[in-house]
Amino acid sequence: MNEALTHSLWLATALMLVLEGIMPFAAPDAFKKLLLQIASMSDRHIRVSGLITMLFGLILLYWIN
């Protein structure tokens, strides 16, 4: 991998960690409730939610670039 790609991947990872940490930091009780709701969902529903999220991310990446 070239240096620019590696740098971009590290930036994307860092941004993801920052975004993932916002809810547990800002609203820990709501975050706990969300995790309990997700734990009670069926595997199929979780997979569909993950697929939709990934597709949205890919569309956003395509649109930005």
N, C-alpha and C. Protein backbone atom coordinates (compact mmCIF):
# COMPACT_ATOMS: atom_id res chain seq x y z
N MET A 1 0.85 -1.19 0.00
CA MET A 1 0.00 0.00 0.00
C MET A 1 0.88 1.24 0.00
N ASN A 2 0.43 2.23 -0.72
CA ASN A 2 1.23 3.45 -0.72
C ASN A 2 0.93 4.27 0.53
N GLU A 3 1.76 5.25 0.75
CA GLU A 3 1.70 6.04 1.98
C GLU A 3 0.41 6.84 2.10
N ALA A 4 -0.09 7.38 1.01
CA ALA A 4 -1.32 8.18 1.04
C ALA A 4 -2.52 7.32 1.41
N LEU A 5 -2.59 6.11 0.87
CA LEU A 5 -3.69 5.21 1.19
C LEU A 5 -3.64 4.79 2.65
N THR A 6 -2.47 4.45 3.13
CA THR A 6 -2.31 4.07 4.54
C THR A 6 -2.73 5.22 5.45
N HIS A 7 -2.32 6.42 5.11
CA HIS A 7 -2.69 7.60 5.89
C HIS A 7 -4.21 7.79 5.89
N SER A 8 -4.83 7.64 4.74
CA SER A 8 -6.29 7.78 4.64
C SER A 8 -7.02 6.72 5.46
N LEU A 9 -6.52 5.50 5.44
CA LEU A 9 -7.14 4.43 6.23
C LEU A 9 -7.02 4.71 7.73
N TRP A 10 -5.89 5.22 8.18
CA TRP A 10 -5.73 5.58 9.58
C TRP A 10 -6.66 6.74 9.95
N LEU A 11 -6.80 7.72 9.05
CA LEU A 11 -7.71 8.83 9.32
C LEU A 11 -9.16 8.34 9.41
N ALA A 12 -9.54 7.46 8.51
CA ALA A 12 -10.90 6.92 8.53
C ALA A 12 -11.15 6.12 9.80
N THR A 13 -10.18 5.34 10.22
CA THR A 13 -10.31 4.56 11.45
C THR A 13 -10.44 5.47 12.66
N ALA A 14 -9.62 6.51 12.71
CA ALA A 14 -9.69 7.45 13.84
C ALA A 14 -11.04 8.16 13.87
N LEU A 15 -11.52 8.57 12.72
CA LEU A 15 -12.82 9.24 12.66
C LEU A 15 -13.94 8.30 13.10
N MET A 16 -13.87 7.04 12.67
CA MET A 16 -14.88 6.06 13.07
C MET A 16 -14.88 5.90 14.59
N LEU A 17 -13.70 5.82 15.20
CA LEU A 17 -13.63 5.67 16.65
C LEU A 17 -14.20 6.88 17.38
N VAL A 18 -13.94 8.06 16.88
CA VAL A 18 -14.50 9.27 17.47
C VAL A 18 -16.02 9.24 17.38
N LEU A 19 -16.55 8.94 16.20
CA LEU A 19 -18.00 8.90 16.02
C LEU A 19 -18.65 7.80 16.86
N GLU A 20 -18.01 6.64 16.94
CA GLU A 20 -18.55 5.54 17.73
C GLU A 20 -18.56 5.88 19.22
N GLY A 21 -17.68 6.73 19.67
CA GLY A 21 -17.59 7.06 21.09
C GLY A 21 -18.49 8.18 21.54
N ILE A 22 -19.13 8.89 20.60
CA ILE A 22 -19.95 10.04 20.98
C ILE A 22 -21.14 9.63 21.84
N MET A 23 -21.91 8.64 21.40
CA MET A 23 -23.12 8.28 22.14
C MET A 23 -22.82 7.72 23.54
N PRO A 24 -21.87 6.77 23.69
CA PRO A 24 -21.60 6.29 25.05
C PRO A 24 -21.10 7.40 25.97
N PHE A 25 -20.39 8.37 25.41
CA PHE A 25 -19.89 9.47 26.22
C PHE A 25 -21.00 10.45 26.59
N ALA A 26 -21.81 10.81 25.60
CA ALA A 26 -22.83 11.85 25.81
C ALA A 26 -24.07 11.33 26.53
N ALA A 27 -24.45 10.09 26.26
CA ALA A 27 -25.69 9.56 26.85
C ALA A 27 -25.51 8.07 27.18
N PRO A 28 -24.79 7.76 28.24
CA PRO A 28 -24.51 6.36 28.54
C PRO A 28 -25.76 5.53 28.83
N ASP A 29 -26.77 6.12 29.48
CA ASP A 29 -28.00 5.36 29.75
C ASP A 29 -28.73 5.00 28.46
N ALA A 30 -28.84 5.95 27.55
CA ALA A 30 -29.49 5.68 26.27
C ALA A 30 -28.70 4.65 25.48
N PHE A 31 -27.38 4.70 25.59
CA PHE A 31 -26.53 3.73 24.89
C PHE A 31 -26.77 2.32 25.42
N LYS A 32 -26.88 2.18 26.74
CA LYS A 32 -27.16 0.87 27.34
C LYS A 32 -28.50 0.34 26.86
N LYS A 33 -29.52 1.20 26.81
CA LYS A 33 -30.83 0.78 26.33
C LYS A 33 -30.77 0.34 24.87
N LEU A 34 -30.02 1.08 24.06
CA LEU A 34 -29.85 0.72 22.65
C LEU A 34 -29.20 -0.64 22.50
N LEU A 35 -28.16 -0.91 23.29
CA LEU A 35 -27.49 -2.20 23.22
C LEU A 35 -28.43 -3.34 23.64
N LEU A 36 -29.26 -3.10 24.64
CA LEU A 36 -30.23 -4.11 25.05
C LEU A 36 -31.25 -4.37 23.95
N GLN A 37 -31.68 -3.31 23.27
CA GLN A 37 -32.62 -3.47 22.16
C GLN A 37 -31.99 -4.27 21.02
N ILE A 38 -30.75 -3.97 20.72
CA ILE A 38 -30.05 -4.69 19.65
C ILE A 38 -29.89 -6.16 20.04
N ALA A 39 -29.58 -6.43 21.31
CA ALA A 39 -29.40 -7.81 21.76
C ALA A 39 -30.68 -8.62 21.62
N SER A 40 -31.83 -7.96 21.68
CA SER A 40 -33.10 -8.68 21.58
C SER A 40 -33.57 -8.84 20.13
N MET A 41 -32.89 -8.23 19.18
CA MET A 41 -33.27 -8.33 17.77
C MET A 41 -32.84 -9.67 17.20
N SER A 42 -33.52 -10.11 16.16
CA SER A 42 -33.13 -11.34 15.48
C SER A 42 -31.85 -11.11 14.68
N ASP A 43 -31.13 -12.20 14.44
CA ASP A 43 -29.90 -12.09 13.65
C ASP A 43 -30.18 -11.51 12.27
N ARG A 44 -31.29 -11.92 11.67
CA ARG A 44 -31.63 -11.43 10.33
C ARG A 44 -31.83 -9.91 10.33
N HIS A 45 -32.52 -9.40 11.33
CA HIS A 45 -32.77 -7.97 11.42
C HIS A 45 -31.46 -7.20 11.62
N ILE A 46 -30.58 -7.74 12.44
CA ILE A 46 -29.28 -7.10 12.66
C ILE A 46 -28.47 -7.09 11.36
N ARG A 47 -28.50 -8.21 10.63
CA ARG A 47 -27.76 -8.29 9.36
C ARG A 47 -28.30 -7.29 8.34
N VAL A 48 -29.62 -7.19 8.25
CA VAL A 48 -30.23 -6.24 7.31
C VAL A 48 -29.85 -4.81 7.69
N SER A 49 -29.87 -4.50 8.98
CA SER A 49 -29.47 -3.17 9.44
C SER A 49 -28.01 -2.89 9.08
N GLY A 50 -27.15 -3.89 9.27
CA GLY A 50 -25.74 -3.73 8.92
C GLY A 50 -25.55 -3.54 7.43
N LEU A 51 -26.30 -4.30 6.62
CA LEU A 51 -26.21 -4.17 5.17
C LEU A 51 -26.64 -2.78 4.72
N ILE A 52 -27.73 -2.28 5.27
CA ILE A 52 -28.21 -0.94 4.91
C ILE A 52 -27.18 0.11 5.29
N THR A 53 -26.58 -0.04 6.46
CA THR A 53 -25.56 0.91 6.90
C THR A 53 -24.35 0.88 5.97
N MET A 54 -23.90 -0.33 5.60
CA MET A 54 -22.75 -0.43 4.69
C MET A 54 -23.06 0.16 3.33
N LEU A 55 -24.25 -0.11 2.80
CA LEU A 55 -24.63 0.45 1.50
C LEU A 55 -24.68 1.97 1.55
N PHE A 56 -25.24 2.51 2.64
CA PHE A 56 -25.27 3.97 2.79
C PHE A 56 -23.85 4.53 2.81
N GLY A 57 -22.95 3.85 3.53
CA GLY A 57 -21.56 4.30 3.58
C GLY A 57 -20.90 4.26 2.22
N LEU A 58 -21.13 3.19 1.46
CA LEU A 58 -20.55 3.09 0.12
C LEU A 58 -21.09 4.17 -0.81
N ILE A 59 -22.39 4.43 -0.73
CA ILE A 59 -22.99 5.49 -1.55
C ILE A 59 -22.39 6.84 -1.17
N LEU A 60 -22.24 7.07 0.12
CA LEU A 60 -21.65 8.33 0.59
C LEU A 60 -20.21 8.47 0.11
N LEU A 61 -19.43 7.39 0.20
CA LEU A 61 -18.05 7.44 -0.30
C LEU A 61 -18.01 7.73 -1.80
N TYR A 62 -18.88 7.09 -2.56
CA TYR A 62 -18.94 7.32 -4.00
C TYR A 62 -19.30 8.78 -4.29
N TRP A 63 -20.26 9.31 -3.55
CA TRP A 63 -20.73 10.68 -3.77
C TRP A 63 -19.63 11.69 -3.42
N ILE A 64 -18.90 11.42 -2.34
CA ILE A 64 -17.83 12.34 -1.91
C ILE A 64 -16.68 12.33 -2.92
N ASN A 65 -16.33 11.15 -3.40
CA ASN A 65 -15.20 11.06 -4.34
C ASN A 65 -15.66 11.28 -5.75
